[in-house]
Amino acid sequence: MGLAAAGLTRVAGKGYPFWTLEHRGHELYFASPEEMTHVADVLGARVMKRPRELGLEQSAVNSHWLSRMDKAWLSWKVRQEIVRKLRDELVRLERL
């Protein structure tokens, strides 16, 4: 369990690295620290915005990642665990 991170440079023949968060048997994939920050901000809100609201900016009212997220991850307790892991990894990346 946890967050595995690769470096930020392109790997020849493999493309760019990504981060994987595995928690309670499910995984989330991130292409950048900015994505991790966005997810932590959304999940860290005690009362989350609805996926419809989050997708309005891109005219994708039912395509936001939150609308596809496993319901087991949406309880406040689980979201706090996920946000803590993401924020810990972001702090670690800042130190690099």
C-alpha atoms as a PDB file:
ATOM      1  CA  MET A   1       0.000   0.000   0.000  1.00  0.00           C
ATOM      2  CA  GLY A   2       1.074   3.530  -0.486  1.00  0.00           C
ATOM      3  CA  LEU A   3       2.212   5.892  -3.184  1.00  0.00           C
ATOM      4  CA  ALA A   4       4.933   4.855  -5.598  1.00  0.00           C
ATOM      5  CA  ALA A   5       6.634   7.626  -7.544  1.00  0.00           C
ATOM      6  CA  ALA A   6       9.029   7.672 -10.426  1.00  0.00           C
ATOM      7  CA  GLY A   7      11.340  10.521 -11.422  1.00  0.00           C
ATOM      8  CA  LEU A   8      10.149  13.518 -13.416  1.00  0.00           C
ATOM      9  CA  THR A   9      12.283  12.960 -16.529  1.00  0.00           C
ATOM     10  CA  ARG A  10      11.237  11.059 -19.622  1.00  0.00           C
ATOM     11  CA  VAL A  11      12.417   7.469 -19.751  1.00  0.00           C
ATOM     12  CA  ALA A  12      13.611   6.545 -23.256  1.00  0.00           C
ATOM     13  CA  GLY A  13      11.202   4.113 -24.892  1.00  0.00           C
ATOM     14  CA  LYS A  14       8.778   4.231 -21.964  1.00  0.00           C
ATOM     15  CA  GLY A  15       7.491   7.819 -21.863  1.00  0.00           C
ATOM     16  CA  TYR A  16       6.912   9.899 -18.772  1.00  0.00           C
ATOM     17  CA  PRO A  17       6.603   8.528 -15.253  1.00  0.00           C
ATOM     18  CA  PHE A  18       3.417   8.482 -13.239  1.00  0.00           C
ATOM     19  CA  TRP A  19       2.417   7.979  -9.634  1.00  0.00           C
ATOM     20  CA  THR A  20       0.160   5.207  -8.388  1.00  0.00           C
ATOM     21  CA  LEU A  21      -1.874   5.396  -5.193  1.00  0.00           C
ATOM     22  CA  GLU A  22      -3.037   1.980  -4.013  1.00  0.00           C
ATOM     23  CA  HIS A  23      -5.494   1.987  -1.142  1.00  0.00           C
ATOM     24  CA  ARG A  24      -7.933  -0.671   0.018  1.00  0.00           C
ATOM     25  CA  GLY A  25      -7.567  -2.725  -3.146  1.00  0.00           C
ATOM     26  CA  HIS A  26      -8.123   0.143  -5.605  1.00  0.00           C
ATOM     27  CA  GLU A  27      -5.672   2.298  -7.532  1.00  0.00           C
ATOM     28  CA  LEU A  28      -5.525   5.878  -8.759  1.00  0.00           C
ATOM     29  CA  TYR A  29      -2.955   6.997 -11.331  1.00  0.00           C
ATOM     30  CA  PHE A  30      -1.481  10.495 -11.520  1.00  0.00           C
ATOM     31  CA  ALA A  31       0.487  12.117 -14.327  1.00  0.00           C
ATOM     32  CA  SER A  32       1.736  15.056 -12.254  1.00  0.00           C
ATOM     33  CA  PRO A  33       1.998  16.510  -8.762  1.00  0.00           C
ATOM     34  CA  GLU A  34      -0.623  19.057  -9.839  1.00  0.00           C
ATOM     35  CA  GLU A  35      -3.119  16.242 -10.378  1.00  0.00           C
ATOM     36  CA  MET A  36      -2.334  14.884  -6.922  1.00  0.00           C
ATOM     37  CA  THR A  37      -2.934  18.337  -5.448  1.00  0.00           C
ATOM     38  CA  HIS A  38      -6.277  18.668  -7.253  1.00  0.00           C
ATOM     39  CA  VAL A  39      -7.480  15.252  -6.058  1.00  0.00           C
ATOM     40  CA  ALA A  40      -6.355  16.002  -2.494  1.00  0.00           C
ATOM     41  CA  ASP A  41      -8.236  19.324  -2.598  1.00  0.00           C
ATOM     42  CA  VAL A  42     -11.439  17.737  -3.931  1.00  0.00           C
ATOM     43  CA  LEU A  43     -11.396  14.730  -1.606  1.00  0.00           C
ATOM     44  CA  GLY A  44     -10.239  16.809   1.358  1.00  0.00           C
ATOM     45  CA  ALA A  45     -13.373  18.937   1.420  1.00  0.00           C
ATOM     46  CA  ARG A  46     -15.692  17.790   4.198  1.00  0.00           C
ATOM     47  CA  VAL A  47     -18.633  18.321   1.867  1.00  0.00           C
ATOM     48  CA  MET A  48     -17.498  17.478  -1.649  1.00  0.00           C
ATOM     49  CA  LYS A  49     -18.796  19.201  -4.727  1.00  0.00           C
ATOM     50  CA  ARG A  50     -20.891  17.010  -6.970  1.00  0.00           C
ATOM     51  CA  PRO A  51     -19.162  15.602 -10.067  1.00  0.00           C
ATOM     52  CA  ARG A  52     -21.630  17.578 -12.186  1.00  0.00           C
ATOM     53  CA  GLU A  53     -20.358  20.848 -10.675  1.00  0.00           C
ATOM     54  CA  LEU A  54     -16.711  19.867 -11.091  1.00  0.00           C
ATOM     55  CA  GLY A  55     -17.179  18.923 -14.746  1.00  0.00           C
ATOM     56  CA  LEU A  56     -19.027  22.086 -15.801  1.00  0.00           C
ATOM     57  CA  GLU A  57     -15.830  23.984 -16.664  1.00  0.00           C
ATOM     58  CA  GLN A  58     -14.949  21.375 -19.298  1.00  0.00           C
ATOM     59  CA  SER A  59     -18.578  20.846 -20.387  1.00  0.00           C
ATOM     60  CA  ALA A  60     -18.183  17.260 -19.215  1.00  0.00           C
ATOM     61  CA  VAL A  61     -20.877  17.024 -16.580  1.00  0.00           C
ATOM     62  CA  ASN A  62     -20.765  13.231 -16.301  1.00  0.00           C
ATOM     63  CA  SER A  63     -17.120  12.669 -17.207  1.00  0.00           C
ATOM     64  CA  HIS A  64     -15.333  14.045 -14.159  1.00  0.00           C
ATOM     65  CA  TRP A  65     -13.117  11.459 -12.442  1.00  0.00           C
ATOM     66  CA  LEU A  66     -15.157  11.776  -9.254  1.00  0.00           C
ATOM     67  CA  SER A  67     -18.248  10.385 -10.984  1.00  0.00           C
ATOM     68  CA  ARG A  68     -16.242   7.233 -11.800  1.00  0.00           C
ATOM     69  CA  MET A  69     -14.641   6.806  -8.378  1.00  0.00           C
ATOM     70  CA  ASP A  70     -15.402   3.669  -6.388  1.00  0.00           C
ATOM     71  CA  LYS A  71     -18.076   4.420  -3.793  1.00  0.00           C
ATOM     72  CA  ALA A  72     -16.019   2.627  -1.109  1.00  0.00           C
ATOM     73  CA  TRP A  73     -13.529   5.520  -1.327  1.00  0.00           C
ATOM     74  CA  LEU A  74     -16.069   8.286  -0.754  1.00  0.00           C
ATOM     75  CA  SER A  75     -16.587   8.057   3.007  1.00  0.00           C
ATOM     76  CA  TRP A  76     -15.005  10.864   5.021  1.00  0.00           C
ATOM     77  CA  LYS A  77     -12.677   8.479   6.891  1.00  0.00           C
ATOM     78  CA  VAL A  78     -11.325   6.870   3.716  1.00  0.00           C
ATOM     79  CA  ARG A  79     -10.967  10.233   1.964  1.00  0.00           C
ATOM     80  CA  GLN A  80      -8.922  11.518   4.909  1.00  0.00           C
ATOM     81  CA  GLU A  81      -6.577   8.521   4.560  1.00  0.00           C
ATOM     82  CA  ILE A  82      -6.180   9.115   0.819  1.00  0.00           C
ATOM     83  CA  VAL A  83      -5.575  12.854   1.247  1.00  0.00           C
ATOM     84  CA  ARG A  84      -2.961  12.188   3.927  1.00  0.00           C
ATOM     85  CA  LYS A  85      -1.061   9.838   1.583  1.00  0.00           C
ATOM     86  CA  LEU A  86      -1.225  12.330  -1.273  1.00  0.00           C
ATOM     87  CA  ARG A  87      -0.080  15.266   0.853  1.00  0.00           C
ATOM     88  CA  ASP A  88       2.793  13.202   2.324  1.00  0.00           C
ATOM     89  CA  GLU A  89       3.987  12.351  -1.181  1.00  0.00           C
ATOM     90  CA  LEU A  90       3.712  15.975  -2.310  1.00  0.00           C
ATOM     91  CA  VAL A  91       5.874  17.068   0.627  1.00  0.00           C
ATOM     92  CA  ARG A  92       8.404  14.377  -0.281  1.00  0.00           C
ATOM     93  CA  LEU A  93       8.488  15.580  -3.903  1.00  0.00           C
ATOM     94  CA  GLU A  94       9.098  19.171  -2.822  1.00  0.00           C
ATOM     95  CA  ARG A  95      12.221  18.040  -0.995  1.00  0.00           C
ATOM     96  CA  LEU A  96      13.731  16.488  -4.138  1.00  0.00           C
END
